[in-house]
PDB file of N, CA and C in Angstrom:
ATOM      1  N   MET A   1       0.839  -1.170   0.000  1.00  0.00           N
ATOM      2  CA  MET A   1       0.000   0.000   0.000  1.00  0.00           C
ATOM      3  C   MET A   1       0.885   1.234   0.000  1.00  0.00           C
ATOM      4  N   ASN A   2       0.464   2.255  -0.658  1.00  0.00           N
ATOM      5  CA  ASN A   2       1.212   3.487  -0.794  1.00  0.00           C
ATOM      6  C   ASN A   2       1.114   4.305   0.489  1.00  0.00           C
ATOM      7  N   VAL A   3       2.251   4.601   1.120  1.00  0.00           N
ATOM      8  CA  VAL A   3       2.264   5.330   2.386  1.00  0.00           C
ATOM      9  C   VAL A   3       1.830   6.772   2.189  1.00  0.00           C
ATOM     10  N   SER A   4       2.246   7.409   1.105  1.00  0.00           N
ATOM     11  CA  SER A   4       1.834   8.795   0.870  1.00  0.00           C
ATOM     12  C   SER A   4       0.334   8.875   0.626  1.00  0.00           C
ATOM     13  N   GLY A   5      -0.242   7.853   0.026  1.00  0.00           N
ATOM     14  CA  GLY A   5      -1.688   7.811  -0.167  1.00  0.00           C
ATOM     15  C   GLY A   5      -2.427   7.742   1.149  1.00  0.00           C
ATOM     16  N   VAL A   6      -1.906   6.961   2.073  1.00  0.00           N
ATOM     17  CA  VAL A   6      -2.517   6.854   3.392  1.00  0.00           C
ATOM     18  C   VAL A   6      -2.377   8.178   4.136  1.00  0.00           C
ATOM     19  N   GLY A   7      -1.226   8.839   3.998  1.00  0.00           N
ATOM     20  CA  GLY A   7      -1.024  10.138   4.637  1.00  0.00           C
ATOM     21  C   GLY A   7      -1.998  11.175   4.113  1.00  0.00           C
ATOM     22  N   GLY A   8      -2.233  11.165   2.819  1.00  0.00           N
ATOM     23  CA  GLY A   8      -3.187  12.102   2.233  1.00  0.00           C
ATOM     24  C   GLY A   8      -4.605  11.832   2.699  1.00  0.00           C
ATOM     25  N   LEU A   9      -4.952  10.556   2.783  1.00  0.00           N
ATOM     26  CA  LEU A   9      -6.274  10.179   3.264  1.00  0.00           C
ATOM     27  C   LEU A   9      -6.447  10.591   4.719  1.00  0.00           C
ATOM     28  N   LEU A  10      -5.405  10.413   5.513  1.00  0.00           N
ATOM     29  CA  LEU A  10      -5.442  10.827   6.915  1.00  0.00           C
ATOM     30  C   LEU A  10      -5.604  12.340   7.035  1.00  0.00           C
ATOM     31  N   ALA A  11      -4.928  13.086   6.165  1.00  0.00           N
ATOM     32  CA  ALA A  11      -5.058  14.541   6.188  1.00  0.00           C
ATOM     33  C   ALA A  11      -6.484  14.972   5.851  1.00  0.00           C
ATOM     34  N   GLU A  12      -7.114  14.298   4.905  1.00  0.00           N
ATOM     35  CA  GLU A  12      -8.499  14.611   4.559  1.00  0.00           C
ATOM     36  C   GLU A  12      -9.436  14.306   5.722  1.00  0.00           C
ATOM     37  N   MET A  13      -9.185  13.189   6.410  1.00  0.00           N
ATOM     38  CA  MET A  13     -10.026  12.820   7.544  1.00  0.00           C
ATOM     39  C   MET A  13      -9.877  13.833   8.684  1.00  0.00           C
ATOM     40  N   ARG A  14      -8.659  14.310   8.917  1.00  0.00           N
ATOM     41  CA  ARG A  14      -8.448  15.315   9.960  1.00  0.00           C
ATOM     42  C   ARG A  14      -9.144  16.625   9.602  1.00  0.00           C
ATOM     43  N   ALA A  15      -9.089  16.996   8.329  1.00  0.00           N
ATOM     44  CA  ALA A  15      -9.761  18.222   7.900  1.00  0.00           C
ATOM     45  C   ALA A  15     -11.266  18.089   8.066  1.00  0.00           C
ATOM     46  N   ALA A  16     -11.814  16.926   7.761  1.00  0.00           N
ATOM     47  CA  ALA A  16     -13.252  16.708   7.938  1.00  0.00           C
ATOM     48  C   ALA A  16     -13.625  16.752   9.409  1.00  0.00           C
ATOM     49  N   MET A  17     -12.763  16.253  10.281  1.00  0.00           N
ATOM     50  CA  MET A  17     -13.021  16.294  11.711  1.00  0.00           C
ATOM     51  C   MET A  17     -13.055  17.734  12.212  1.00  0.00           C
ATOM     52  N   VAL A  18     -12.134  18.569  11.726  1.00  0.00           N
ATOM     53  CA  VAL A  18     -12.094  19.975  12.145  1.00  0.00           C
ATOM     54  C   VAL A  18     -13.365  20.680  11.701  1.00  0.00           C
ATOM     55  N   VAL A  19     -13.815  20.411  10.484  1.00  0.00           N
ATOM     56  CA  VAL A  19     -15.035  21.032   9.970  1.00  0.00           C
ATOM     57  C   VAL A  19     -16.240  20.557  10.782  1.00  0.00           C
ATOM     58  N   ALA A  20     -16.268  19.260  11.124  1.00  0.00           N
ATOM     59  CA  ALA A  20     -17.389  18.715  11.900  1.00  0.00           C
ATOM     60  C   ALA A  20     -17.446  19.308  13.295  1.00  0.00           C
ATOM     61  N   GLN A  21     -16.304  19.712  13.839  1.00  0.00           N
ATOM     62  CA  GLN A  21     -16.269  20.309  15.162  1.00  0.00           C
ATOM     63  C   GLN A  21     -16.548  21.807  15.128  1.00  0.00           C
ATOM     64  N   GLY A  22     -16.835  22.342  13.961  1.00  0.00           N
ATOM     65  CA  GLY A  22     -17.212  23.736  13.850  1.00  0.00           C
ATOM     66  C   GLY A  22     -16.087  24.657  13.429  1.00  0.00           C
ATOM     67  N   GLY A  23     -14.931  24.125  13.138  1.00  0.00           N
ATOM     68  CA  GLY A  23     -13.802  24.952  12.703  1.00  0.00           C
ATOM     69  C   GLY A  23     -13.839  25.183  11.206  1.00  0.00           C
ATOM     70  N   SER A  24     -12.893  25.975  10.737  1.00  0.00           N
ATOM     71  CA  SER A  24     -12.799  26.195   9.296  1.00  0.00           C
ATOM     72  C   SER A  24     -11.863  25.141   8.705  1.00  0.00           C
ATOM     73  N   ALA A  25     -12.124  24.787   7.482  1.00  0.00           N
ATOM     74  CA  ALA A  25     -11.354  23.731   6.829  1.00  0.00           C
ATOM     75  C   ALA A  25      -9.939  24.206   6.551  1.00  0.00           C
ATOM     76  N   PRO A  26      -8.935  23.457   7.018  1.00  0.00           N
ATOM     77  CA  PRO A  26      -7.554  23.821   6.702  1.00  0.00           C
ATOM     78  C   PRO A  26      -7.236  23.496   5.252  1.00  0.00           C
ATOM     79  N   LYS A  27      -6.239  24.166   4.725  1.00  0.00           N
ATOM     80  CA  LYS A  27      -5.808  23.898   3.351  1.00  0.00           C
ATOM     81  C   LYS A  27      -5.081  22.560   3.315  1.00  0.00           C
ATOM     82  N   ILE A  28      -5.468  21.721   2.381  1.00  0.00           N
ATOM     83  CA  ILE A  28      -4.817  20.423   2.197  1.00  0.00           C
ATOM     84  C   ILE A  28      -4.011  20.502   0.921  1.00  0.00           C
ATOM     85  N   ASP A  29      -2.772  20.083   1.004  1.00  0.00           N
ATOM     86  CA  ASP A  29      -1.901  20.086  -0.158  1.00  0.00           C
ATOM     87  C   ASP A  29      -2.509  19.189  -1.228  1.00  0.00           C
ATOM     88  N   ALA A  30      -2.637  19.702  -2.434  1.00  0.00           N
ATOM     89  CA  ALA A  30      -3.271  18.951  -3.519  1.00  0.00           C
ATOM     90  C   ALA A  30      -2.490  17.696  -3.880  1.00  0.00           C
ATOM     91  N   ILE A  31      -1.199  17.722  -3.685  1.00  0.00           N
ATOM     92  CA  ILE A  31      -0.381  16.558  -4.027  1.00  0.00           C
ATOM     93  C   ILE A  31      -0.587  15.435  -3.014  1.00  0.00           C
ATOM     94  N   ALA A  32      -0.812  15.769  -1.761  1.00  0.00           N
ATOM     95  CA  ALA A  32      -0.895  14.768  -0.707  1.00  0.00           C
ATOM     96  C   ALA A  32      -2.275  14.117  -0.603  1.00  0.00           C
ATOM     97  N   THR A  33      -3.289  14.646  -1.277  1.00  0.00           N
ATOM     98  CA  THR A  33      -4.622  14.090  -1.133  1.00  0.00           C
ATOM     99  C   THR A  33      -4.800  12.852  -1.997  1.00  0.00           C
ATOM    100  N   THR A  34      -5.477  11.897  -1.419  1.00  0.00           N
ATOM    101  CA  THR A  34      -5.806  10.664  -2.114  1.00  0.00           C
ATOM    102  C   THR A  34      -7.197  10.260  -1.674  1.00  0.00           C
ATOM    103  N   ASP A  35      -8.006   9.834  -2.621  1.00  0.00           N
ATOM    104  CA  ASP A  35      -9.341   9.431  -2.222  1.00  0.00           C
ATOM    105  C   ASP A  35      -9.351   7.986  -1.728  1.00  0.00           C
ATOM    106  N   PHE A  36     -10.352   7.688  -0.946  1.00  0.00           N
ATOM    107  CA  PHE A  36     -10.474   6.379  -0.303  1.00  0.00           C
ATOM    108  C   PHE A  36     -10.563   5.264  -1.346  1.00  0.00           C
ATOM    109  N   ALA A  37     -11.264   5.520  -2.429  1.00  0.00           N
ATOM    110  CA  ALA A  37     -11.456   4.487  -3.449  1.00  0.00           C
ATOM    111  C   ALA A  37     -10.129   4.058  -4.066  1.00  0.00           C
ATOM    112  N   SER A  38      -9.231   4.994  -4.323  1.00  0.00           N
ATOM    113  CA  SER A  38      -7.957   4.611  -4.934  1.00  0.00           C
ATOM    114  C   SER A  38      -7.070   3.853  -3.955  1.00  0.00           C
ATOM    115  N   VAL A  39      -7.110   4.227  -2.668  1.00  0.00           N
ATOM    116  CA  VAL A  39      -6.336   3.487  -1.663  1.00  0.00           C
ATOM    117  C   VAL A  39      -6.887   2.071  -1.530  1.00  0.00           C
ATOM    118  N   LEU A  40      -8.198   1.944  -1.496  1.00  0.00           N
ATOM    119  CA  LEU A  40      -8.831   0.631  -1.402  1.00  0.00           C
ATOM    120  C   LEU A  40      -8.518  -0.218  -2.623  1.00  0.00           C
ATOM    121  N   LYS A  41      -8.596   0.384  -3.800  1.00  0.00           N
ATOM    122  CA  LYS A  41      -8.323  -0.358  -5.029  1.00  0.00           C
ATOM    123  C   LYS A  41      -6.876  -0.830  -5.078  1.00  0.00           C
ATOM    124  N   SER A  42      -5.940   0.023  -4.678  1.00  0.00           N
ATOM    125  CA  SER A  42      -4.535  -0.381  -4.721  1.00  0.00           C
ATOM    126  C   SER A  42      -4.245  -1.511  -3.734  1.00  0.00           C
ATOM    127  N   SER A  43      -4.876  -1.464  -2.566  1.00  0.00           N
ATOM    128  CA  SER A  43      -4.650  -2.551  -1.613  1.00  0.00           C
ATOM    129  C   SER A  43      -5.287  -3.844  -2.087  1.00  0.00           C
ATOM    130  N   LEU A  44      -6.469  -3.777  -2.684  1.00  0.00           N
ATOM    131  CA  LEU A  44      -7.094  -4.987  -3.223  1.00  0.00           C
ATOM    132  C   LEU A  44      -6.316  -5.538  -4.413  1.00  0.00           C
ATOM    133  N   ASP A  45      -5.746  -4.648  -5.217  1.00  0.00           N
ATOM    134  CA  ASP A  45      -4.900  -5.105  -6.319  1.00  0.00           C
ATOM    135  C   ASP A  45      -3.660  -5.818  -5.797  1.00  0.00           C
ATOM    136  N   GLY A  46      -3.111  -5.339  -4.687  1.00  0.00           N
ATOM    137  CA  GLY A  46      -1.958  -5.998  -4.079  1.00  0.00           C
ATOM    138  C   GLY A  46      -2.297  -7.399  -3.599  1.00  0.00           C
ATOM    139  N   VAL A  47      -3.479  -7.565  -3.007  1.00  0.00           N
ATOM    140  CA  VAL A  47      -3.921  -8.890  -2.557  1.00  0.00           C
ATOM    141  C   VAL A  47      -4.114  -9.811  -3.759  1.00  0.00           C
ATOM    142  N   ALA A  48      -4.746  -9.306  -4.801  1.00  0.00           N
ATOM    143  CA  ALA A  48      -4.960 -10.117  -6.002  1.00  0.00           C
ATOM    144  C   ALA A  48      -3.637 -10.504  -6.645  1.00  0.00           C
ATOM    145  N   GLN A  49      -2.689  -9.592  -6.650  1.00  0.00           N
ATOM    146  CA  GLN A  49      -1.377  -9.881  -7.224  1.00  0.00           C
ATOM    147  C   GLN A  49      -0.664 -10.961  -6.413  1.00  0.00           C
ATOM    148  N   ALA A  50      -0.753 -10.906  -5.092  1.00  0.00           N
ATOM    149  CA  ALA A  50      -0.132 -11.928  -4.246  1.00  0.00           C
ATOM    150  C   ALA A  50      -0.765 -13.294  -4.498  1.00  0.00           C
ATOM    151  N   GLN A  51      -2.075 -13.330  -4.652  1.00  0.00           N
ATOM    152  CA  GLN A  51      -2.753 -14.595  -4.919  1.00  0.00           C
ATOM    153  C   GLN A  51      -2.391 -15.140  -6.296  1.00  0.00           C
ATOM    154  N   ASN A  52      -2.318 -14.275  -7.287  1.00  0.00           N
ATOM    155  CA  ASN A  52      -1.941 -14.716  -8.629  1.00  0.00           C
ATOM    156  C   ASN A  52      -0.508 -15.240  -8.657  1.00  0.00           C
ATOM    157  N   HIS A  53       0.385 -14.564  -7.947  1.00  0.00           N
ATOM    158  CA  HIS A  53       1.782 -15.004  -7.903  1.00  0.00           C
ATOM    159  C   HIS A  53       1.884 -16.369  -7.233  1.00  0.00           C
ATOM    160  N   ALA A  54       1.153 -16.573  -6.139  1.00  0.00           N
ATOM    161  CA  ALA A  54       1.171 -17.860  -5.449  1.00  0.00           C
ATOM    162  C   ALA A  54       0.622 -18.970  -6.345  1.00  0.00           C
ATOM    163  N   GLU A  55      -0.423 -18.667  -7.086  1.00  0.00           N
ATOM    164  CA  GLU A  55      -1.004 -19.658  -7.987  1.00  0.00           C
ATOM    165  C   GLU A  55      -0.036 -20.004  -9.120  1.00  0.00           C
ATOM    166  N   THR A  56       0.637 -18.992  -9.639  1.00  0.00           N
ATOM    167  CA  THR A  56       1.628 -19.227 -10.701  1.00  0.00           C
ATOM    168  C   THR A  56       2.775 -20.086 -10.191  1.00  0.00           C
ATOM    169  N   MET A  57       3.259 -19.784  -8.993  1.00  0.00           N
ATOM    170  CA  MET A  57       4.339 -20.578  -8.398  1.00  0.00           C
ATOM    171  C   MET A  57       3.896 -22.016  -8.176  1.00  0.00           C
ATOM    172  N   GLN A  58       2.667 -22.192  -7.745  1.00  0.00           N
ATOM    173  CA  GLN A  58       2.142 -23.535  -7.510  1.00  0.00           C
ATOM    174  C   GLN A  58       2.074 -24.325  -8.823  1.00  0.00           C
ATOM    175  N   LYS A  59       1.594 -23.687  -9.873  1.00  0.00           N
ATOM    176  CA  LYS A  59       1.518 -24.367 -11.176  1.00  0.00           C
ATOM    177  C   LYS A  59       2.903 -24.738 -11.686  1.00  0.00           C
ATOM    178  N   GLU A  60       3.861 -23.819 -11.515  1.00  0.00           N
ATOM    179  CA  GLU A  60       5.232 -24.099 -11.968  1.00  0.00           C
ATOM    180  C   GLU A  60       5.822 -25.284 -11.204  1.00  0.00           C
ATOM    181  N   PHE A  61       5.555 -25.366  -9.915  1.00  0.00           N
ATOM    182  CA  PHE A  61       6.074 -26.479  -9.127  1.00  0.00           C
ATOM    183  C   PHE A  61       5.444 -27.793  -9.568  1.00  0.00           C
ATOM    184  N   VAL A  62       4.135 -27.775  -9.809  1.00  0.00           N
ATOM    185  CA  VAL A  62       3.435 -28.989 -10.227  1.00  0.00           C
ATOM    186  C   VAL A  62       3.930 -29.449 -11.596  1.00  0.00           C
ATOM    187  N   LEU A  63       4.259 -28.506 -12.458  1.00  0.00           N
ATOM    188  CA  LEU A  63       4.745 -28.859 -13.797  1.00  0.00           C
ATOM    189  C   LEU A  63       6.203 -29.311 -13.788  1.00  0.00           C
ATOM    190  N   GLY A  64       6.854 -29.219 -12.631  1.00  0.00           N
ATOM    191  CA  GLY A  64       8.209 -29.742 -12.510  1.00  0.00           C
ATOM    192  C   GLY A  64       9.314 -28.754 -12.805  1.00  0.00           C
ATOM    193  N   ASN A  65       9.062 -27.474 -12.681  1.00  0.00           N
ATOM    194  CA  ASN A  65      10.093 -26.466 -12.895  1.00  0.00           C
ATOM    195  C   ASN A  65      11.132 -26.586 -11.780  1.00  0.00           C
ATOM    196  N   ASP A  66      12.391 -26.786 -12.158  1.00  0.00           N
ATOM    197  CA  ASP A  66      13.466 -26.976 -11.175  1.00  0.00           C
ATOM    198  C   ASP A  66      13.804 -25.685 -10.429  1.00  0.00           C
ATOM    199  N   LYS A  67      13.446 -24.551 -10.971  1.00  0.00           N
ATOM    200  CA  LYS A  67      13.777 -23.275 -10.342  1.00  0.00           C
ATOM    201  C   LYS A  67      12.818 -22.920  -9.203  1.00  0.00           C
ATOM    202  N   VAL A  68      11.722 -23.659  -9.059  1.00  0.00           N
ATOM    203  CA  VAL A  68      10.716 -23.382  -8.041  1.00  0.00           C
ATOM    204  C   VAL A  68      10.770 -24.494  -6.995  1.00  0.00           C
ATOM    205  N   SER A  69      11.048 -24.109  -5.755  1.00  0.00           N
ATOM    206  CA  SER A  69      11.099 -25.104  -4.682  1.00  0.00           C
ATOM    207  C   SER A  69       9.772 -25.134  -3.929  1.00  0.00           C
ATOM    208  N   LEU A  70       9.552 -26.230  -3.237  1.00  0.00           N
ATOM    209  CA  LEU A  70       8.331 -26.381  -2.472  1.00  0.00           C
ATOM    210  C   LEU A  70       8.234 -25.327  -1.372  1.00  0.00           C
ATOM    211  N   SER A  71       9.351 -25.009  -0.753  1.00  0.00           N
ATOM    212  CA  SER A  71       9.324 -24.002   0.315  1.00  0.00           C
ATOM    213  C   SER A  71       8.932 -22.633  -0.226  1.00  0.00           C
ATOM    214  N   ASP A  72       9.413 -22.281  -1.418  1.00  0.00           N
ATOM    215  CA  ASP A  72       9.022 -20.999  -2.024  1.00  0.00           C
ATOM    216  C   ASP A  72       7.523 -20.967  -2.315  1.00  0.00           C
ATOM    217  N   VAL A  73       6.999 -22.087  -2.793  1.00  0.00           N
ATOM    218  CA  VAL A  73       5.569 -22.166  -3.089  1.00  0.00           C
ATOM    219  C   VAL A  73       4.758 -22.008  -1.812  1.00  0.00           C
ATOM    220  N   MET A  74       5.165 -22.715  -0.767  1.00  0.00           N
ATOM    221  CA  MET A  74       4.429 -22.650   0.499  1.00  0.00           C
ATOM    222  C   MET A  74       4.493 -21.248   1.108  1.00  0.00           C
ATOM    223  N   ILE A  75       5.647 -20.607   1.032  1.00  0.00           N
ATOM    224  CA  ILE A  75       5.784 -19.251   1.570  1.00  0.00           C
ATOM    225  C   ILE A  75       4.898 -18.279   0.805  1.00  0.00           C
ATOM    226  N   ASP A  76       4.895 -18.370  -0.521  1.00  0.00           N
ATOM    227  CA  ASP A  76       4.046 -17.475  -1.315  1.00  0.00           C
ATOM    228  C   ASP A  76       2.564 -17.721  -1.054  1.00  0.00           C
ATOM    229  N   MET A  77       2.202 -18.986  -0.858  1.00  0.00           N
ATOM    230  CA  MET A  77       0.801 -19.290  -0.558  1.00  0.00           C
ATOM    231  C   MET A  77       0.404 -18.726   0.805  1.00  0.00           C
ATOM    232  N   GLN A  78       1.291 -18.794   1.779  1.00  0.00           N
ATOM    233  CA  GLN A  78       0.999 -18.239   3.097  1.00  0.00           C
ATOM    234  C   GLN A  78       0.910 -16.711   3.056  1.00  0.00           C
ATOM    235  N   LYS A  79       1.797 -16.085   2.280  1.00  0.00           N
ATOM    236  CA  LYS A  79       1.734 -14.629   2.130  1.00  0.00           C
ATOM    237  C   LYS A  79       0.394 -14.209   1.529  1.00  0.00           C
ATOM    238  N   ALA A  80      -0.051 -14.932   0.504  1.00  0.00           N
ATOM    239  CA  ALA A  80      -1.334 -14.619  -0.123  1.00  0.00           C
ATOM    240  C   ALA A  80      -2.483 -14.840   0.852  1.00  0.00           C
ATOM    241  N   ASN A  81      -2.396 -15.903   1.627  1.00  0.00           N
ATOM    242  CA  ASN A  81      -3.443 -16.193   2.602  1.00  0.00           C
ATOM    243  C   ASN A  81      -3.499 -15.121   3.688  1.00  0.00           C
ATOM    244  N   ILE A  82      -2.348 -14.702   4.187  1.00  0.00           N
ATOM    245  CA  ILE A  82      -2.314 -13.677   5.233  1.00  0.00           C
ATOM    246  C   ILE A  82      -2.850 -12.350   4.706  1.00  0.00           C
ATOM    247  N   SER A  83      -2.473 -11.976   3.487  1.00  0.00           N
ATOM    248  CA  SER A  83      -2.980 -10.715   2.939  1.00  0.00           C
ATOM    249  C   SER A  83      -4.485 -10.772   2.717  1.00  0.00           C
ATOM    250  N   PHE A  84      -5.000 -11.934   2.306  1.00  0.00           N
ATOM    251  CA  PHE A  84      -6.438 -12.086   2.126  1.00  0.00           C
ATOM    252  C   PHE A  84      -7.164 -12.013   3.467  1.00  0.00           C
ATOM    253  N   GLN A  85      -6.632 -12.688   4.475  1.00  0.00           N
ATOM    254  CA  GLN A  85      -7.258 -12.664   5.798  1.00  0.00           C
ATOM    255  C   GLN A  85      -7.244 -11.255   6.381  1.00  0.00           C
ATOM    256  N   ALA A  86      -6.167 -10.508   6.162  1.00  0.00           N
ATOM    257  CA  ALA A  86      -6.112  -9.129   6.634  1.00  0.00           C
ATOM    258  C   ALA A  86      -7.174  -8.282   5.935  1.00  0.00           C
ATOM    259  N   THR A  87      -7.366  -8.513   4.646  1.00  0.00           N
ATOM    260  CA  THR A  87      -8.386  -7.782   3.894  1.00  0.00           C
ATOM    261  C   THR A  87      -9.777  -8.096   4.427  1.00  0.00           C
ATOM    262  N   VAL A  88     -10.033  -9.351   4.743  1.00  0.00           N
ATOM    263  CA  VAL A  88     -11.327  -9.739   5.296  1.00  0.00           C
ATOM    264  C   VAL A  88     -11.554  -9.065   6.646  1.00  0.00           C
ATOM    265  N   GLN A  89     -10.516  -9.005   7.474  1.00  0.00           N
ATOM    266  CA  GLN A  89     -10.656  -8.358   8.779  1.00  0.00           C
ATOM    267  C   GLN A  89     -10.915  -6.857   8.638  1.00  0.00           C
ATOM    268  N   VAL A  90     -10.250  -6.216   7.695  1.00  0.00           N
ATOM    269  CA  VAL A  90     -10.499  -4.789   7.456  1.00  0.00           C
ATOM    270  C   VAL A  90     -11.928  -4.584   6.983  1.00  0.00           C
ATOM    271  N   ARG A  91     -12.385  -5.446   6.085  1.00  0.00           N
ATOM    272  CA  ARG A  91     -13.768  -5.362   5.620  1.00  0.00           C
ATOM    273  C   ARG A  91     -14.744  -5.502   6.784  1.00  0.00           C
ATOM    274  N   ASN A  92     -14.481  -6.452   7.681  1.00  0.00           N
ATOM    275  CA  ASN A  92     -15.354  -6.648   8.835  1.00  0.00           C
ATOM    276  C   ASN A  92     -15.382  -5.414   9.730  1.00  0.00           C
ATOM    277  N   LYS A  93     -14.224  -4.790   9.929  1.00  0.00           N
ATOM    278  CA  LYS A  93     -14.163  -3.581  10.753  1.00  0.00           C
ATOM    279  C   LYS A  93     -14.908  -2.418  10.092  1.00  0.00           C
ATOM    280  N   VAL A  94     -14.784  -2.293   8.782  1.00  0.00           N
ATOM    281  CA  VAL A  94     -15.486  -1.224   8.067  1.00  0.00           C
ATOM    282  C   VAL A  94     -16.994  -1.427   8.155  1.00  0.00           C
ATOM    283  N   ILE A  95     -17.437  -2.658   8.006  1.00  0.00           N
ATOM    284  CA  ILE A  95     -18.873  -2.945   8.092  1.00  0.00           C
ATOM    285  C   ILE A  95     -19.380  -2.674   9.502  1.00  0.00           C
ATOM    286  N   ALA A  96     -18.601  -3.062  10.516  1.00  0.00           N
ATOM    287  CA  ALA A  96     -19.003  -2.800  11.899  1.00  0.00           C
ATOM    288  C   ALA A  96     -19.080  -1.303  12.169  1.00  0.00           C
ATOM    289  N   ALA A  97     -18.113  -0.542  11.661  1.00  0.00           N
ATOM    290  CA  ALA A  97     -18.133   0.907  11.845  1.00  0.00           C
ATOM    291  C   ALA A  97     -19.327   1.527  11.125  1.00  0.00           C
ATOM    292  N   TYR A  98     -19.621   1.048   9.926  1.00  0.00           N
ATOM    293  CA  TYR A  98     -20.784   1.539   9.172  1.00  0.00           C
ATOM    294  C   TYR A  98     -22.065   1.272   9.947  1.00  0.00           C
ATOM    295  N   ASN A  99     -22.194   0.051  10.479  1.00  0.00           N
ATOM    296  CA  ASN A  99     -23.393  -0.287  11.250  1.00  0.00           C
ATOM    297  C   ASN A  99     -23.503   0.576  12.501  1.00  0.00           C
ATOM    298  N   ASP A 100     -22.389   0.838  13.164  1.00  0.00           N
ATOM    299  CA  ASP A 100     -22.411   1.712  14.341  1.00  0.00           C
ATOM    300  C   ASP A 100     -22.868   3.120  13.984  1.00  0.00           C
ATOM    301  N   ILE A 101     -22.364   3.623  12.882  1.00  0.00           N
ATOM    302  CA  ILE A 101     -22.741   4.981  12.442  1.00  0.00           C
ATOM    303  C   ILE A 101     -24.221   5.022  12.066  1.00  0.00           C
ATOM    304  N   MET A 102     -24.699   3.997  11.373  1.00  0.00           N
ATOM    305  CA  MET A 102     -26.095   3.986  10.946  1.00  0.00           C
ATOM    306  C   MET A 102     -27.057   3.835  12.138  1.00  0.00           C
ATOM    307  N   ASN A 103     -26.594   3.232  13.231  1.00  0.00           N
ATOM    308  CA  ASN A 103     -27.440   3.038  14.403  1.00  0.00           C
ATOM    309  C   ASN A 103     -27.370   4.192  15.391  1.00  0.00           C
ATOM    310  N   MET A 104     -26.547   5.201  15.097  1.00  0.00           N
ATOM    311  CA  MET A 104     -26.460   6.358  15.985  1.00  0.00           C
ATOM    312  C   MET A 104     -27.733   7.187  15.888  1.00  0.00           C
ATOM    313  N   GLN A 105     -28.144   7.686  17.036  1.00  0.00           N
ATOM    314  CA  GLN A 105     -29.311   8.569  17.038  1.00  0.00           C
ATOM    315  C   GLN A 105     -28.844   9.992  16.785  1.00  0.00           C
ATOM    316  N   VAL A 106     -29.579  10.681  15.961  1.00  0.00           N
ATOM    317  CA  VAL A 106     -29.214  12.042  15.598  1.00  0.00           C
ATOM    318  C   VAL A 106     -29.930  13.049  16.455  1.00  0.00           C
TER     319      VAL A 106
END
């Protein structure tokens, strides 16, 4: 995930918090801003890339490629699994936060 993208997203969230508290919106550097959709898409693309790489390594090992060892295949499969599980946990947290916000009384 892009660290500068996360920093820009954090800056936007802080500016929204200041506005929600009744303050005036601070100037946000145009270069540092990143929208949530692009950060989400880049992280999901990273997970998909890890899964595709693990699948490719697995196929190469099954086909008998001498350059691919079983340990490399297992490590890549675990990396893909961990990134997928992390994505699922983030999704669960986002859904829980959404439900909390929707259940708030105004």
